[in-house]
Amino acid sequence: MNKQTILLVMKKAVPMLLFYLFFATILRLWEPIKNMFSGLPVDWTAEFAKIEYTRMLIFAVLVSVYVGYRELKRQQAREEITQPEN
């Protein structure tokens, strides 16, 4: 893979990666957020400590790069179809 390919994959992967990390964090904190609005005490330090960011980050990077690479291959296939070979 050359530098341009890596940049194209990352262009697709990084927004998905950020969205996944944000969404996974919100899902993990859903119960404490509900408790907070119900008036129950919440220990935010303990709740954030429970989140396994390393595992989430590894999974998110793998999925994001896979989706970005698949989209790149799809784009290359479209370009090959539209360019007639002489």
C-alpha atoms as a PDB file:
ATOM      1  CA  MET A   1       0.000   0.000   0.000  1.00  0.00           C
ATOM      2  CA  ASN A   2       1.359   3.379  -0.921  1.00  0.00           C
ATOM      3  CA  LYS A   3       1.003   6.646   0.980  1.00  0.00           C
ATOM      4  CA  GLN A   4      -1.984   7.828  -1.074  1.00  0.00           C
ATOM      5  CA  THR A   5      -3.890   4.614  -0.377  1.00  0.00           C
ATOM      6  CA  ILE A   6      -3.262   4.913   3.345  1.00  0.00           C
ATOM      7  CA  LEU A   7      -4.440   8.535   3.342  1.00  0.00           C
ATOM      8  CA  LEU A   8      -7.627   7.621   1.471  1.00  0.00           C
ATOM      9  CA  VAL A   9      -8.370   4.795   3.902  1.00  0.00           C
ATOM     10  CA  MET A  10      -7.786   7.068   6.893  1.00  0.00           C
ATOM     11  CA  LYS A  11      -9.994   9.757   5.338  1.00  0.00           C
ATOM     12  CA  LYS A  12     -12.861   7.264   5.488  1.00  0.00           C
ATOM     13  CA  ALA A  13     -11.849   5.590   8.752  1.00  0.00           C
ATOM     14  CA  VAL A  14     -11.184   8.480  11.138  1.00  0.00           C
ATOM     15  CA  PRO A  15     -14.717   9.984  11.202  1.00  0.00           C
ATOM     16  CA  MET A  16     -16.181   6.529  11.763  1.00  0.00           C
ATOM     17  CA  LEU A  17     -13.656   5.864  14.513  1.00  0.00           C
ATOM     18  CA  LEU A  18     -14.534   9.079  16.340  1.00  0.00           C
ATOM     19  CA  PHE A  19     -18.265   8.432  16.013  1.00  0.00           C
ATOM     20  CA  TYR A  20     -17.885   4.892  17.329  1.00  0.00           C
ATOM     21  CA  LEU A  21     -15.875   5.978  20.374  1.00  0.00           C
ATOM     22  CA  PHE A  22     -18.378   8.736  21.180  1.00  0.00           C
ATOM     23  CA  PHE A  23     -21.374   6.432  20.725  1.00  0.00           C
ATOM     24  CA  ALA A  24     -19.822   3.594  22.767  1.00  0.00           C
ATOM     25  CA  THR A  25     -19.002   5.995  25.603  1.00  0.00           C
ATOM     26  CA  ILE A  26     -22.556   7.348  25.679  1.00  0.00           C
ATOM     27  CA  LEU A  27     -23.972   3.810  25.721  1.00  0.00           C
ATOM     28  CA  ARG A  28     -21.678   2.822  28.581  1.00  0.00           C
ATOM     29  CA  LEU A  29     -22.672   5.899  30.575  1.00  0.00           C
ATOM     30  CA  TRP A  30     -26.413   5.631  29.875  1.00  0.00           C
ATOM     31  CA  GLU A  31     -27.299   4.166  33.297  1.00  0.00           C
ATOM     32  CA  PRO A  32     -25.313   6.759  35.299  1.00  0.00           C
ATOM     33  CA  ILE A  33     -26.854   9.537  33.193  1.00  0.00           C
ATOM     34  CA  LYS A  34     -30.351   8.199  33.932  1.00  0.00           C
ATOM     35  CA  ASN A  35     -29.482   7.977  37.629  1.00  0.00           C
ATOM     36  CA  MET A  36     -28.171  11.541  37.599  1.00  0.00           C
ATOM     37  CA  PHE A  37     -31.441  12.882  36.195  1.00  0.00           C
ATOM     38  CA  SER A  38     -33.410  10.737  38.651  1.00  0.00           C
ATOM     39  CA  GLY A  39     -31.635  12.429  41.530  1.00  0.00           C
ATOM     40  CA  LEU A  40     -29.546   9.424  42.558  1.00  0.00           C
ATOM     41  CA  PRO A  41     -25.880   9.967  43.427  1.00  0.00           C
ATOM     42  CA  VAL A  42     -23.380   8.974  40.753  1.00  0.00           C
ATOM     43  CA  ASP A  43     -19.655   8.335  41.234  1.00  0.00           C
ATOM     44  CA  TRP A  44     -18.379   9.571  37.867  1.00  0.00           C
ATOM     45  CA  THR A  45     -14.782   8.587  38.603  1.00  0.00           C
ATOM     46  CA  ALA A  46     -15.776   4.952  39.065  1.00  0.00           C
ATOM     47  CA  GLU A  47     -18.029   4.991  36.014  1.00  0.00           C
ATOM     48  CA  PHE A  48     -15.301   6.322  33.723  1.00  0.00           C
ATOM     49  CA  ALA A  49     -12.827   3.837  35.214  1.00  0.00           C
ATOM     50  CA  LYS A  50     -15.127   0.973  34.153  1.00  0.00           C
ATOM     51  CA  ILE A  51     -14.932   1.951  30.502  1.00  0.00           C
ATOM     52  CA  GLU A  52     -12.354  -0.160  28.708  1.00  0.00           C
ATOM     53  CA  TYR A  53     -11.074   2.407  26.252  1.00  0.00           C
ATOM     54  CA  THR A  54      -8.189   0.259  25.052  1.00  0.00           C
ATOM     55  CA  ARG A  55     -10.429  -2.559  23.877  1.00  0.00           C
ATOM     56  CA  MET A  56     -12.913  -0.106  22.371  1.00  0.00           C
ATOM     57  CA  LEU A  57     -10.133   1.732  20.562  1.00  0.00           C
ATOM     58  CA  ILE A  58      -8.601  -1.438  19.100  1.00  0.00           C
ATOM     59  CA  PHE A  59     -11.989  -2.646  17.883  1.00  0.00           C
ATOM     60  CA  ALA A  60     -12.896   0.752  16.474  1.00  0.00           C
ATOM     61  CA  VAL A  61      -9.601   1.096  14.608  1.00  0.00           C
ATOM     62  CA  LEU A  62      -9.910  -2.360  13.072  1.00  0.00           C
ATOM     63  CA  VAL A  63     -13.491  -1.813  11.944  1.00  0.00           C
ATOM     64  CA  SER A  64     -12.793   1.699  10.685  1.00  0.00           C
ATOM     65  CA  VAL A  65      -9.771   0.678   8.642  1.00  0.00           C
ATOM     66  CA  TYR A  66     -11.664  -2.290   7.197  1.00  0.00           C
ATOM     67  CA  VAL A  67     -14.587  -0.092   6.154  1.00  0.00           C
ATOM     68  CA  GLY A  68     -12.248   2.562   4.757  1.00  0.00           C
ATOM     69  CA  TYR A  69     -10.300  -0.027   2.758  1.00  0.00           C
ATOM     70  CA  ARG A  70     -13.501  -1.593   1.432  1.00  0.00           C
ATOM     71  CA  GLU A  71     -14.767   1.840   0.368  1.00  0.00           C
ATOM     72  CA  LEU A  72     -11.441   2.538  -1.347  1.00  0.00           C
ATOM     73  CA  LYS A  73     -11.661  -0.726  -3.299  1.00  0.00           C
ATOM     74  CA  ARG A  74     -15.251   0.112  -4.257  1.00  0.00           C
ATOM     75  CA  GLN A  75     -14.132   3.542  -5.482  1.00  0.00           C
ATOM     76  CA  GLN A  76     -11.286   2.020  -7.507  1.00  0.00           C
ATOM     77  CA  ALA A  77     -13.696  -0.461  -9.106  1.00  0.00           C
ATOM     78  CA  ARG A  78     -16.014   2.407 -10.081  1.00  0.00           C
ATOM     79  CA  GLU A  79     -13.097   4.273 -11.659  1.00  0.00           C
ATOM     80  CA  GLU A  80     -12.078   1.196 -13.657  1.00  0.00           C
ATOM     81  CA  ILE A  81     -15.609   0.828 -15.010  1.00  0.00           C
ATOM     82  CA  THR A  82     -15.850   4.480 -16.054  1.00  0.00           C
ATOM     83  CA  GLN A  83     -12.414   4.550 -17.742  1.00  0.00           C
ATOM     84  CA  PRO A  84     -12.437   2.634 -21.019  1.00  0.00           C
ATOM     85  CA  GLU A  85      -9.216   0.784 -21.746  1.00  0.00           C
ATOM     86  CA  ASN A  86      -7.567   1.522 -25.100  1.00  0.00           C
END
